[in-house]
Amino acid sequence: MKKSTKCAIAATGVVSIIAVTKLTKKGIEKTTESVNRLKYKLLVKDKLQDNQNLLDIVDDLDDEELKTMVGVFERLETEPADSHIDSLKSKLGSIKAQVKS
């Protein structure tokens, strides 16, 4: 076999490996994004009585914002809402005090 043929076969192999790796990464990213969108929709339907406004928002969110929203819903699911409400009230109280002064 000629040296040029061997080089061509090696180059084709390297290019193929690179292409498969990139396609696999894109596939994983797309699958993760689809799973996050589905999680978000299921959480909205389950926890927020199928709020149509929140379901419409999912189409406008990018992947990072979607991860954040799913994380928020999952935290609300595992932690009692009373602690979040108390924390929010105290933060609002401190903001009011800053605005008044």
N, C-alpha and C. Protein backbone atom coordinates (compact mmCIF):
# COMPACT_ATOMS: atom_id res chain seq x y z
N MET A 1 0.85 -1.18 0.00
CA MET A 1 0.00 0.00 0.00
C MET A 1 0.90 1.24 0.00
N LYS A 2 0.49 2.22 -0.78
CA LYS A 2 1.28 3.43 -0.89
C LYS A 2 1.17 4.26 0.39
N LYS A 3 2.19 5.07 0.59
CA LYS A 3 2.23 5.93 1.77
C LYS A 3 1.08 6.95 1.74
N SER A 4 0.76 7.47 0.57
CA SER A 4 -0.33 8.45 0.45
C SER A 4 -1.68 7.83 0.78
N THR A 5 -1.88 6.58 0.43
CA THR A 5 -3.13 5.89 0.75
C THR A 5 -3.26 5.70 2.25
N LYS A 6 -2.16 5.33 2.89
CA LYS A 6 -2.17 5.15 4.35
C LYS A 6 -2.50 6.47 5.04
N CYS A 7 -1.92 7.56 4.56
CA CYS A 7 -2.20 8.88 5.15
C CYS A 7 -3.66 9.28 4.96
N ALA A 8 -4.19 8.99 3.77
CA ALA A 8 -5.59 9.32 3.49
C ALA A 8 -6.52 8.53 4.39
N ILE A 9 -6.22 7.25 4.60
CA ILE A 9 -7.05 6.41 5.48
C ILE A 9 -6.97 6.92 6.92
N ALA A 10 -5.77 7.27 7.38
CA ALA A 10 -5.60 7.78 8.75
C ALA A 10 -6.33 9.10 8.92
N ALA A 11 -6.22 9.99 7.93
CA ALA A 11 -6.90 11.29 8.02
C ALA A 11 -8.41 11.10 8.05
N THR A 12 -8.93 10.19 7.22
CA THR A 12 -10.36 9.91 7.20
C THR A 12 -10.82 9.37 8.55
N GLY A 13 -10.03 8.51 9.15
CA GLY A 13 -10.36 7.97 10.48
C GLY A 13 -10.42 9.05 11.54
N VAL A 14 -9.44 9.94 11.53
CA VAL A 14 -9.40 11.03 12.52
C VAL A 14 -10.59 11.96 12.34
N VAL A 15 -10.88 12.31 11.09
CA VAL A 15 -12.04 13.19 10.82
C VAL A 15 -13.34 12.51 11.25
N SER A 16 -13.46 11.23 11.01
CA SER A 16 -14.66 10.49 11.41
C SER A 16 -14.83 10.49 12.92
N ILE A 17 -13.74 10.28 13.65
CA ILE A 17 -13.81 10.28 15.12
C ILE A 17 -14.23 11.65 15.63
N ILE A 18 -13.67 12.69 15.05
CA ILE A 18 -14.03 14.06 15.47
C ILE A 18 -15.51 14.34 15.18
N ALA A 19 -15.98 13.94 14.00
CA ALA A 19 -17.39 14.17 13.63
C ALA A 19 -18.33 13.42 14.56
N VAL A 20 -18.03 12.17 14.87
CA VAL A 20 -18.88 11.38 15.76
C VAL A 20 -18.91 12.00 17.15
N THR A 21 -17.77 12.47 17.64
CA THR A 21 -17.71 13.10 18.96
C THR A 21 -18.56 14.35 19.01
N LYS A 22 -18.46 15.20 18.01
CA LYS A 22 -19.26 16.43 17.98
C LYS A 22 -20.75 16.13 17.88
N LEU A 23 -21.12 15.18 17.03
CA LEU A 23 -22.53 14.83 16.89
C LEU A 23 -23.08 14.24 18.19
N THR A 24 -22.28 13.46 18.89
CA THR A 24 -22.71 12.88 20.16
C THR A 24 -22.93 13.97 21.20
N LYS A 25 -22.02 14.95 21.27
CA LYS A 25 -22.16 16.05 22.22
C LYS A 25 -23.43 16.86 21.93
N LYS A 26 -23.67 17.15 20.65
CA LYS A 26 -24.88 17.90 20.28
C LYS A 26 -26.13 17.11 20.62
N GLY A 27 -26.09 15.82 20.38
CA GLY A 27 -27.23 14.97 20.71
C GLY A 27 -27.52 14.95 22.19
N ILE A 28 -26.48 14.86 23.00
CA ILE A 28 -26.65 14.87 24.46
C ILE A 28 -27.21 16.21 24.92
N GLU A 29 -26.70 17.31 24.36
CA GLU A 29 -27.21 18.64 24.74
C GLU A 29 -28.68 18.80 24.37
N LYS A 30 -29.05 18.37 23.17
CA LYS A 30 -30.44 18.48 22.74
C LYS A 30 -31.36 17.62 23.61
N THR A 31 -30.90 16.42 23.93
CA THR A 31 -31.70 15.54 24.78
C THR A 31 -31.88 16.13 26.16
N THR A 32 -30.80 16.68 26.72
CA THR A 32 -30.88 17.31 28.04
C THR A 32 -31.84 18.48 28.02
N GLU A 33 -31.78 19.29 26.97
CA GLU A 33 -32.68 20.44 26.86
C GLU A 33 -34.13 19.98 26.77
N SER A 34 -34.39 18.94 26.00
CA SER A 34 -35.76 18.42 25.86
C SER A 34 -36.28 17.87 27.18
N VAL A 35 -35.41 17.16 27.90
CA VAL A 35 -35.81 16.61 29.21
C VAL A 35 -36.12 17.75 30.17
N ASN A 36 -35.29 18.81 30.19
CA ASN A 36 -35.55 19.94 31.08
C ASN A 36 -36.86 20.63 30.73
N ARG A 37 -37.16 20.78 29.45
CA ARG A 37 -38.43 21.40 29.05
C ARG A 37 -39.62 20.55 29.50
N LEU A 38 -39.49 19.25 29.34
CA LEU A 38 -40.56 18.35 29.78
C LEU A 38 -40.72 18.39 31.30
N LYS A 39 -39.59 18.41 32.03
CA LYS A 39 -39.65 18.50 33.49
C LYS A 39 -40.37 19.77 33.91
N TYR A 40 -40.01 20.89 33.28
CA TYR A 40 -40.62 22.17 33.60
C TYR A 40 -42.12 22.11 33.38
N LYS A 41 -42.54 21.59 32.23
CA LYS A 41 -43.98 21.53 31.93
C LYS A 41 -44.71 20.64 32.93
N LEU A 42 -44.11 19.51 33.28
CA LEU A 42 -44.75 18.62 34.25
C LEU A 42 -44.83 19.25 35.63
N LEU A 43 -43.77 19.96 36.03
CA LEU A 43 -43.80 20.62 37.33
C LEU A 43 -44.84 21.72 37.37
N VAL A 44 -44.97 22.48 36.28
CA VAL A 44 -45.98 23.54 36.24
C VAL A 44 -47.37 22.93 36.29
N LYS A 45 -47.59 21.86 35.55
CA LYS A 45 -48.91 21.22 35.55
C LYS A 45 -49.24 20.64 36.92
N ASP A 46 -48.25 20.05 37.56
CA ASP A 46 -48.47 19.39 38.84
C ASP A 46 -48.60 20.38 39.99
N LYS A 47 -47.66 21.29 40.09
CA LYS A 47 -47.59 22.17 41.26
C LYS A 47 -48.39 23.46 41.12
N LEU A 48 -48.58 23.93 39.90
CA LEU A 48 -49.23 25.23 39.71
C LEU A 48 -50.54 25.11 38.93
N GLN A 49 -51.20 24.01 39.06
CA GLN A 49 -52.51 23.77 38.48
C GLN A 49 -52.57 24.15 37.00
N ASP A 50 -51.58 23.73 36.26
CA ASP A 50 -51.57 23.89 34.80
C ASP A 50 -51.70 25.35 34.38
N ASN A 51 -50.90 26.22 34.99
CA ASN A 51 -50.92 27.65 34.70
C ASN A 51 -50.45 27.89 33.26
N GLN A 52 -51.35 28.36 32.41
CA GLN A 52 -51.05 28.50 30.99
C GLN A 52 -49.98 29.56 30.72
N ASN A 53 -49.96 30.63 31.52
CA ASN A 53 -48.94 31.67 31.33
C ASN A 53 -47.54 31.11 31.54
N LEU A 54 -47.37 30.30 32.57
CA LEU A 54 -46.05 29.71 32.83
C LEU A 54 -45.69 28.67 31.78
N LEU A 55 -46.68 27.97 31.26
CA LEU A 55 -46.40 27.00 30.20
C LEU A 55 -45.99 27.71 28.90
N ASP A 56 -46.54 28.89 28.64
CA ASP A 56 -46.17 29.65 27.45
C ASP A 56 -44.75 30.20 27.56
N ILE A 57 -44.31 30.49 28.77
CA ILE A 57 -42.98 31.05 28.99
C ILE A 57 -41.89 30.07 28.57
N VAL A 58 -42.15 28.78 28.71
CA VAL A 58 -41.11 27.78 28.45
C VAL A 58 -40.55 27.88 27.03
N ASP A 59 -41.34 28.32 26.09
CA ASP A 59 -40.87 28.43 24.71
C ASP A 59 -39.85 29.56 24.53
N ASP A 60 -39.90 30.56 25.40
CA ASP A 60 -38.99 31.71 25.28
C ASP A 60 -37.71 31.55 26.09
N LEU A 61 -37.62 30.54 26.94
CA LEU A 61 -36.45 30.38 27.80
C LEU A 61 -35.32 29.67 27.07
N ASP A 62 -34.08 30.14 27.32
CA ASP A 62 -32.95 29.39 26.79
C ASP A 62 -32.60 28.27 27.79
N ASP A 63 -31.61 27.47 27.46
CA ASP A 63 -31.32 26.27 28.24
C ASP A 63 -30.91 26.60 29.67
N GLU A 64 -30.11 27.64 29.85
CA GLU A 64 -29.63 27.99 31.21
C GLU A 64 -30.78 28.50 32.07
N GLU A 65 -31.65 29.32 31.51
CA GLU A 65 -32.81 29.82 32.25
C GLU A 65 -33.76 28.67 32.60
N LEU A 66 -33.87 27.74 31.70
CA LEU A 66 -34.73 26.58 31.95
C LEU A 66 -34.20 25.74 33.10
N LYS A 67 -32.88 25.54 33.14
CA LYS A 67 -32.26 24.80 34.25
C LYS A 67 -32.55 25.50 35.57
N THR A 68 -32.47 26.83 35.56
CA THR A 68 -32.72 27.60 36.78
C THR A 68 -34.16 27.42 37.23
N MET A 69 -35.10 27.51 36.30
CA MET A 69 -36.52 27.36 36.65
C MET A 69 -36.82 25.97 37.20
N VAL A 70 -36.26 24.94 36.57
CA VAL A 70 -36.47 23.57 37.05
C VAL A 70 -35.89 23.43 38.45
N GLY A 71 -34.71 24.03 38.67
CA GLY A 71 -34.09 23.99 40.00
C GLY A 71 -34.96 24.66 41.05
N VAL A 72 -35.56 25.79 40.68
CA VAL A 72 -36.44 26.51 41.62
C VAL A 72 -37.64 25.64 41.97
N PHE A 73 -38.27 25.07 40.96
CA PHE A 73 -39.44 24.22 41.23
C PHE A 73 -39.08 23.00 42.06
N GLU A 74 -37.91 22.40 41.78
CA GLU A 74 -37.51 21.23 42.55
C GLU A 74 -37.21 21.60 44.00
N ARG A 75 -36.62 22.77 44.22
CA ARG A 75 -36.37 23.22 45.59
C ARG A 75 -37.68 23.49 46.32
N LEU A 76 -38.62 24.10 45.64
CA LEU A 76 -39.93 24.35 46.26
C LEU A 76 -40.64 23.04 46.59
N GLU A 77 -40.37 22.02 45.79
CA GLU A 77 -41.00 20.73 46.01
C GLU A 77 -40.44 20.04 47.26
N THR A 78 -39.14 20.20 47.50
CA THR A 78 -38.50 19.49 48.62
C THR A 78 -38.49 20.30 49.91
N GLU A 79 -38.47 21.61 49.81
CA GLU A 79 -38.41 22.45 51.01
C GLU A 79 -39.79 23.05 51.28
N PRO A 80 -40.12 23.25 52.54
CA PRO A 80 -41.42 23.86 52.85
C PRO A 80 -41.48 25.31 52.36
N ALA A 81 -42.62 25.67 51.83
CA ALA A 81 -42.80 27.02 51.27
C ALA A 81 -42.79 28.09 52.35
N ASP A 82 -43.15 27.73 53.59
CA ASP A 82 -43.19 28.73 54.67
C ASP A 82 -41.83 29.37 54.89
N SER A 83 -40.76 28.58 54.81
CA SER A 83 -39.43 29.14 55.03
C SER A 83 -39.09 30.13 53.92
N HIS A 84 -39.50 29.85 52.70
CA HIS A 84 -39.25 30.77 51.59
C HIS A 84 -40.05 32.05 51.75
N ILE A 85 -41.28 31.93 52.20
CA ILE A 85 -42.13 33.11 52.38
C ILE A 85 -41.57 33.99 53.50
N ASP A 86 -41.15 33.38 54.60
CA ASP A 86 -40.56 34.15 55.69
C ASP A 86 -39.29 34.86 55.24
N SER A 87 -38.46 34.17 54.48
CA SER A 87 -37.23 34.77 53.96
C SER A 87 -37.55 35.94 53.04
N LEU A 88 -38.54 35.77 52.20
CA LEU A 88 -38.94 36.83 51.28
C LEU A 88 -39.49 38.03 52.04
N LYS A 89 -40.29 37.80 53.08
CA LYS A 89 -40.83 38.90 53.88
C LYS A 89 -39.71 39.69 54.54
N SER A 90 -38.71 39.00 55.07
CA SER A 90 -37.62 39.71 55.73
C SER A 90 -36.80 40.52 54.72
N LYS A 91 -36.61 39.98 53.54
CA LYS A 91 -35.87 40.71 52.51
C LYS A 91 -36.66 41.93 52.06
N LEU A 92 -37.97 41.78 51.89
CA LEU A 92 -38.79 42.92 51.50
C LEU A 92 -38.80 43.99 52.60
N GLY A 93 -38.79 43.55 53.85
CA GLY A 93 -38.74 44.51 54.96
C GLY A 93 -37.46 45.32 54.94
N SER A 94 -36.35 44.67 54.66
CA SER A 94 -35.09 45.40 54.63
C SER A 94 -35.03 46.33 53.42
N ILE A 95 -35.63 45.94 52.30
CA ILE A 95 -35.67 46.82 51.12
C ILE A 95 -36.53 48.04 51.41
N LYS A 96 -37.68 47.83 52.09
CA LYS A 96 -38.54 48.97 52.46
C LYS A 96 -37.80 49.94 53.34
N ALA A 97 -37.06 49.40 54.30
CA ALA A 97 -36.30 50.27 55.22
C ALA A 97 -35.25 51.08 54.47
N GLN A 98 -34.60 50.49 53.50
CA GLN A 98 -33.59 51.20 52.71
C GLN A 98 -34.23 52.28 51.86
N VAL A 99 -35.40 52.00 51.31
CA VAL A 99 -36.07 52.96 50.45
C VAL A 99 -36.55 54.17 51.27
N LYS A 100 -37.06 53.91 52.48
CA LYS A 100 -37.57 54.99 53.34
C LYS A 100 -36.46 55.92 53.81
N SER A 101 -35.26 55.38 54.00
CA SER A 101 -34.18 56.23 54.51
C SER A 101 -33.38 56.91 53.43
